[in-house]
Amino acid sequence: MNRKLIFVLKALGLAMILFVALFPLFWMFITSGKTMTELLKIPVTLWPERFSFESYYEVWVQKPFPTYIFNSLKISIVATLLGMIVSSMAAYGFAKFRFPLKKAILTFVLVAQMFPSTSIIIPLFSTYRNYGLYDTHIGLMLLYTTISLAFSVWMMYGYFRGVPKELEEAARIDGCGPLGIFTKVILPISKPGVAAVGVYSFMVAWNEYLYSLILLTSEKNYTISIGLSRFITEFGTYWNQMGAASIIVTIPTLILFLLLGKNLIEGLTAGAVKG
């Protein structure tokens, strides 16, 4: 009886967590199917009187939202690849080599990320203007790479430290140098950790808003985070279009988690334990 009660309580707890996690997505979908007239009705209706996909058409065809998505995808993918390469190589150096002030530098990597984003806006803006990176996607790619770098380096550092030394010694005996050991031994058995870093880096770049708002001025360069904010105007907020756009924006992240969710959990767990 006690086991059944515990099982029921666990099931109810999981159901509540699932409800809390999925309700915002459900509400966005319901909102996207309503007209503005129905959205302003009092009392609020839970389900639309007539579900319509008109808001999706307005977002996708009548507004430059596909351009925003393409910009964000391009920036996020490049930033993710750069972040994975740099963080993996840096973590490998910290985990497998000895050099002066290694611990101090590793700590500084983490401490440097503790400052709030607003504290570097002015010097960052000036630097980007002086070097021609203002209002460019290249500037955001470089910036987003550095934003996720500290967490990525520390997670891969913990993962690489757990790789058995015997594998490296065997590769060294076979004639592999440090780069060969890294590419042929370390990386292949660290795929879950690399995948976790990739998902995290992509999510950071995909969701970032502040820097893109400050550093982009041309509408053709806007990302989806700025695009979503444009549904809030001086005449009101177009909630149905914002809901439709939010659903569209959520799809790439859902696909990413479905494809790499297992590796993400395994990589985060292994990196935490081995570190």
Protein backbone atom coordinates (compact mmCIF):
# COMPACT_ATOMS: atom_id res chain seq x y z
CA MET A 1 0.00 0.00 0.00
CA ASN A 2 2.82 2.38 0.85
CA ARG A 3 4.53 1.66 -2.47
CA LYS A 4 1.34 2.37 -4.38
CA LEU A 5 0.83 5.61 -2.49
CA ILE A 6 4.41 6.70 -3.19
CA PHE A 7 3.96 5.81 -6.86
CA VAL A 8 0.75 7.84 -7.07
CA LEU A 9 2.36 10.82 -5.35
CA LYS A 10 5.33 10.68 -7.71
CA ALA A 11 3.01 10.47 -10.71
CA LEU A 12 1.01 13.46 -9.48
CA GLY A 13 4.19 15.42 -8.85
CA LEU A 14 5.52 14.67 -12.34
CA ALA A 15 2.13 15.57 -13.84
CA MET A 16 2.18 18.94 -12.04
CA ILE A 17 5.73 19.66 -13.21
CA LEU A 18 4.78 18.72 -16.78
CA PHE A 19 1.70 20.94 -16.61
CA VAL A 20 3.70 23.93 -15.36
CA ALA A 21 6.34 23.38 -18.05
CA LEU A 22 3.93 22.95 -20.97
CA PHE A 23 1.17 25.39 -20.04
CA PRO A 24 2.96 28.49 -21.44
CA LEU A 25 3.41 26.67 -24.75
CA PHE A 26 -0.25 25.62 -24.72
CA TRP A 27 -1.38 29.17 -23.93
CA MET A 28 0.75 30.61 -26.74
CA PHE A 29 -0.85 28.16 -29.17
CA ILE A 30 -4.37 29.03 -27.98
CA THR A 31 -3.62 32.74 -28.19
CA SER A 32 -2.27 32.41 -31.72
CA GLY A 33 -5.59 30.94 -32.87
CA LYS A 34 -7.74 33.84 -31.61
CA THR A 35 -8.61 37.13 -33.23
CA MET A 36 -7.71 40.41 -31.53
CA THR A 37 -11.41 41.03 -30.91
CA GLU A 38 -11.74 37.78 -28.99
CA LEU A 39 -8.50 38.38 -27.09
CA LEU A 40 -9.90 41.65 -25.73
CA LYS A 41 -13.16 40.09 -24.57
CA ILE A 42 -14.05 39.94 -20.89
CA PRO A 43 -14.31 37.32 -19.48
CA VAL A 44 -11.37 35.64 -21.15
CA THR A 45 -12.19 32.53 -23.18
CA LEU A 46 -10.02 29.47 -22.70
CA TRP A 47 -10.52 28.07 -26.19
CA PRO A 48 -11.03 30.16 -29.35
CA GLU A 49 -14.56 30.37 -30.71
CA ARG A 50 -13.12 29.59 -34.14
CA PHE A 51 -9.48 28.58 -34.27
CA SER A 52 -7.74 30.43 -37.08
CA PHE A 53 -4.26 30.22 -38.58
CA GLU A 54 -4.53 33.75 -39.91
CA SER A 55 -1.98 35.06 -37.43
CA TYR A 56 0.58 32.52 -38.71
CA TYR A 57 -0.01 33.76 -42.27
CA GLU A 58 0.37 37.37 -41.16
CA VAL A 59 3.61 36.63 -39.33
CA TRP A 60 5.17 34.48 -42.04
CA VAL A 61 4.01 36.25 -45.21
CA GLN A 62 3.10 39.83 -44.37
CA LYS A 63 6.02 40.50 -42.04
CA PRO A 64 9.77 39.87 -42.52
CA PHE A 65 9.79 37.17 -39.84
CA PRO A 66 11.44 34.53 -42.10
CA THR A 67 14.35 36.96 -42.47
CA TYR A 68 14.64 37.27 -38.70
CA ILE A 69 14.68 33.48 -38.34
CA PHE A 70 17.30 33.07 -41.06
CA ASN A 71 19.49 35.71 -39.38
CA SER A 72 19.18 34.05 -35.99
CA LEU A 73 19.86 30.60 -37.40
CA LYS A 74 22.96 31.82 -39.21
CA ILE A 75 24.32 33.67 -36.19
CA SER A 76 23.47 30.89 -33.73
CA ILE A 77 24.94 28.08 -35.82
CA VAL A 78 28.23 29.90 -36.45
CA ALA A 79 28.50 30.99 -32.81
CA THR A 80 27.77 27.43 -31.68
CA LEU A 81 30.43 25.90 -33.94
CA LEU A 82 33.02 28.49 -32.90
CA GLY A 83 32.13 28.00 -29.24
CA MET A 84 32.45 24.22 -29.48
CA ILE A 85 35.85 24.44 -31.18
CA VAL A 86 37.34 27.06 -28.87
CA SER A 87 35.93 25.63 -25.62
CA SER A 88 36.99 22.06 -26.48
CA MET A 89 40.55 23.06 -27.31
CA ALA A 90 40.83 25.36 -24.28
CA ALA A 91 39.41 22.71 -21.95
CA TYR A 92 41.77 20.10 -23.36
CA GLY A 93 44.72 22.39 -22.68
CA PHE A 94 43.58 23.04 -19.10
CA ALA A 95 42.82 19.38 -18.42
CA LYS A 96 45.89 17.70 -19.94
CA PHE A 97 48.77 20.17 -19.83
CA ARG A 98 50.73 21.80 -17.04
CA PHE A 99 51.72 25.45 -17.30
CA PRO A 100 52.22 28.39 -14.90
CA LEU A 101 49.14 30.00 -13.35
CA LYS A 102 46.83 27.38 -14.84
CA LYS A 103 44.40 27.43 -11.93
CA ALA A 104 44.41 31.22 -11.79
CA ILE A 105 43.64 31.51 -15.50
CA LEU A 106 40.91 28.86 -15.27
CA THR A 107 39.35 30.75 -12.37
CA PHE A 108 39.60 34.05 -14.25
CA VAL A 109 37.71 32.52 -17.19
CA LEU A 110 34.78 31.95 -14.86
CA VAL A 111 35.07 35.20 -12.91
CA ALA A 112 35.15 37.26 -16.11
CA GLN A 113 31.65 36.00 -16.93
CA MET A 114 30.20 37.10 -13.59
CA PHE A 115 29.96 40.78 -14.51
CA PRO A 116 26.49 41.89 -15.67
CA SER A 117 25.95 42.41 -19.38
CA THR A 118 25.02 46.06 -18.91
CA SER A 119 28.45 46.87 -17.45
CA ILE A 120 30.21 46.30 -20.80
CA ILE A 121 27.63 47.77 -23.17
CA ILE A 122 29.32 51.19 -23.57
CA PRO A 123 32.91 49.95 -24.17
CA LEU A 124 31.56 47.16 -26.37
CA PHE A 125 29.56 49.65 -28.43
CA SER A 126 32.61 51.89 -28.87
CA THR A 127 34.84 48.97 -29.83
CA TYR A 128 32.38 47.67 -32.38
CA ARG A 129 31.97 51.13 -33.94
CA ASN A 130 35.74 51.59 -34.22
CA TYR A 131 36.39 48.18 -35.79
CA GLY A 132 33.45 48.13 -38.19
CA LEU A 133 31.54 45.39 -36.36
CA TYR A 134 28.54 47.54 -35.46
CA ASP A 135 25.28 46.43 -37.11
CA THR A 136 26.89 43.27 -38.51
CA HIS A 137 26.19 39.60 -37.99
CA ILE A 138 29.90 38.84 -37.67
CA GLY A 139 30.04 41.03 -34.58
CA LEU A 140 27.18 39.12 -32.94
CA MET A 141 28.73 35.78 -33.88
CA LEU A 142 31.96 36.68 -32.11
CA LEU A 143 30.11 38.13 -29.13
CA TYR A 144 27.76 35.16 -28.68
CA THR A 145 30.74 32.82 -28.85
CA THR A 146 32.34 34.53 -25.86
CA ILE A 147 29.11 34.70 -23.85
CA SER A 148 28.82 30.93 -23.53
CA LEU A 149 32.55 30.25 -23.41
CA ALA A 150 33.09 30.16 -19.64
CA PHE A 151 30.43 27.55 -18.90
CA SER A 152 31.47 25.52 -21.97
CA VAL A 153 35.16 25.49 -21.00
CA TRP A 154 34.41 24.44 -17.43
CA MET A 155 32.05 21.67 -18.46
CA MET A 156 34.43 20.26 -21.07
CA TYR A 157 37.30 20.63 -18.61
CA GLY A 158 35.49 18.36 -16.15
CA TYR A 159 34.65 15.93 -18.93
CA PHE A 160 38.21 15.73 -20.32
CA ARG A 161 39.69 15.18 -16.87
CA GLY A 162 37.67 11.99 -16.65
CA VAL A 163 39.17 10.49 -19.81
CA PRO A 164 41.50 7.61 -18.78
CA LYS A 165 45.19 8.40 -19.17
CA GLU A 166 45.78 4.90 -20.51
CA LEU A 167 43.98 5.82 -23.73
CA GLU A 168 46.22 8.82 -24.24
CA GLU A 169 49.36 6.81 -23.49
CA ALA A 170 48.32 4.12 -25.96
CA ALA A 171 47.76 6.74 -28.65
CA ARG A 172 51.10 8.35 -27.82
CA ILE A 173 52.84 5.00 -28.23
CA ASP A 174 51.20 4.65 -31.65
CA GLY A 175 52.83 7.91 -32.68
CA CYS A 176 50.05 10.43 -32.10
CA GLY A 177 50.97 13.93 -31.02
CA PRO A 178 48.86 16.19 -28.77
CA LEU A 179 46.62 17.29 -31.66
CA GLY A 180 46.19 13.72 -32.88
CA ILE A 181 45.27 12.52 -29.38
CA PHE A 182 42.75 15.34 -29.10
CA THR A 183 41.05 14.70 -32.44
CA LYS A 184 41.29 10.89 -32.62
CA VAL A 185 40.93 9.86 -28.96
CA ILE A 186 39.53 12.60 -26.74
CA LEU A 187 36.80 14.06 -28.97
CA PRO A 188 35.26 10.75 -30.18
CA ILE A 189 34.64 9.54 -26.62
CA SER A 190 33.48 12.99 -25.48
CA LYS A 191 30.55 13.38 -27.88
CA PRO A 192 27.93 13.76 -25.10
CA GLY A 193 29.91 16.61 -23.55
CA VAL A 194 30.45 18.31 -26.91
CA ALA A 195 26.73 17.92 -27.69
CA ALA A 196 25.80 19.48 -24.35
CA VAL A 197 28.09 22.43 -25.05
CA GLY A 198 26.59 22.79 -28.52
CA VAL A 199 23.00 22.84 -27.26
CA TYR A 200 23.85 25.33 -24.53
CA SER A 201 25.73 27.64 -26.93
CA PHE A 202 22.90 27.50 -29.46
CA MET A 203 20.29 28.34 -26.83
CA VAL A 204 22.31 31.30 -25.56
CA ALA A 205 22.71 32.73 -29.06
CA TRP A 206 19.12 31.95 -30.08
CA ASN A 207 17.51 33.64 -27.06
CA GLU A 208 19.85 36.63 -26.56
CA TYR A 209 18.13 40.02 -26.76
CA LEU A 210 20.09 42.84 -25.10
CA TYR A 211 23.22 42.83 -27.26
CA SER A 212 21.30 42.40 -30.50
CA LEU A 213 19.05 45.32 -29.54
CA ILE A 214 22.05 47.58 -28.89
CA LEU A 215 24.31 46.46 -31.74
CA LEU A 216 21.82 46.07 -34.61
CA THR A 217 20.02 48.97 -36.29
CA SER A 218 19.07 47.71 -39.76
CA GLU A 219 15.82 45.76 -39.97
CA LYS A 220 17.35 43.37 -42.49
CA ASN A 221 19.87 42.32 -39.80
CA TYR A 222 17.37 41.86 -36.97
CA THR A 223 17.23 38.58 -35.05
CA ILE A 224 14.08 36.86 -33.81
CA SER A 225 14.40 38.31 -30.32
CA ILE A 226 14.06 41.82 -31.77
CA GLY A 227 11.43 40.60 -34.21
CA LEU A 228 9.22 39.38 -31.36
CA SER A 229 9.43 42.74 -29.62
CA ARG A 230 8.13 44.50 -32.74
CA PHE A 231 4.65 43.10 -32.10
CA ILE A 232 4.46 45.57 -29.21
CA THR A 233 3.63 48.94 -30.77
CA GLU A 234 2.34 52.33 -29.66
CA PHE A 235 -1.13 51.24 -30.79
CA GLY A 236 -1.18 48.08 -28.68
CA THR A 237 0.19 44.57 -28.49
CA TYR A 238 -0.73 42.07 -31.20
CA TRP A 239 -0.96 39.06 -28.91
CA ASN A 240 -2.17 36.59 -31.52
CA GLN A 241 0.71 37.39 -33.88
CA MET A 242 3.17 37.29 -31.00
CA GLY A 243 1.80 33.88 -29.97
CA ALA A 244 2.13 32.57 -33.53
CA ALA A 245 5.67 33.93 -33.82
CA SER A 246 6.61 32.43 -30.45
CA ILE A 247 5.38 29.01 -31.55
CA ILE A 248 7.44 29.26 -34.74
CA VAL A 249 10.51 30.35 -32.77
CA THR A 250 10.13 27.41 -30.37
CA ILE A 251 10.23 24.78 -33.13
CA PRO A 252 14.03 24.82 -33.77
CA THR A 253 14.81 24.45 -30.06
CA LEU A 254 12.32 21.58 -29.72
CA ILE A 255 13.90 19.79 -32.68
CA LEU A 256 17.35 20.32 -31.17
CA PHE A 257 16.30 18.87 -27.83
CA LEU A 258 14.57 15.90 -29.48
CA LEU A 259 17.71 15.10 -31.46
CA LEU A 260 20.30 15.76 -28.75
CA GLY A 261 18.32 15.57 -25.51
CA LYS A 262 19.86 12.26 -24.45
CA ASN A 263 23.39 13.47 -25.16
CA LEU A 264 22.67 16.76 -23.39
CA ILE A 265 21.62 15.08 -20.14
CA GLU A 266 24.50 12.62 -20.33
CA GLY A 267 27.02 15.34 -21.05
CA LEU A 268 25.83 17.65 -18.27
CA THR A 269 25.80 14.81 -15.75
CA ALA A 270 29.20 13.43 -16.75
CA GLY A 271 30.81 16.86 -16.83
CA ALA A 272 29.48 17.69 -13.37
CA VAL A 273 30.53 14.39 -11.81
CA LYS A 274 33.95 14.14 -13.44
CA GLY A 275 34.82 17.75 -12.70
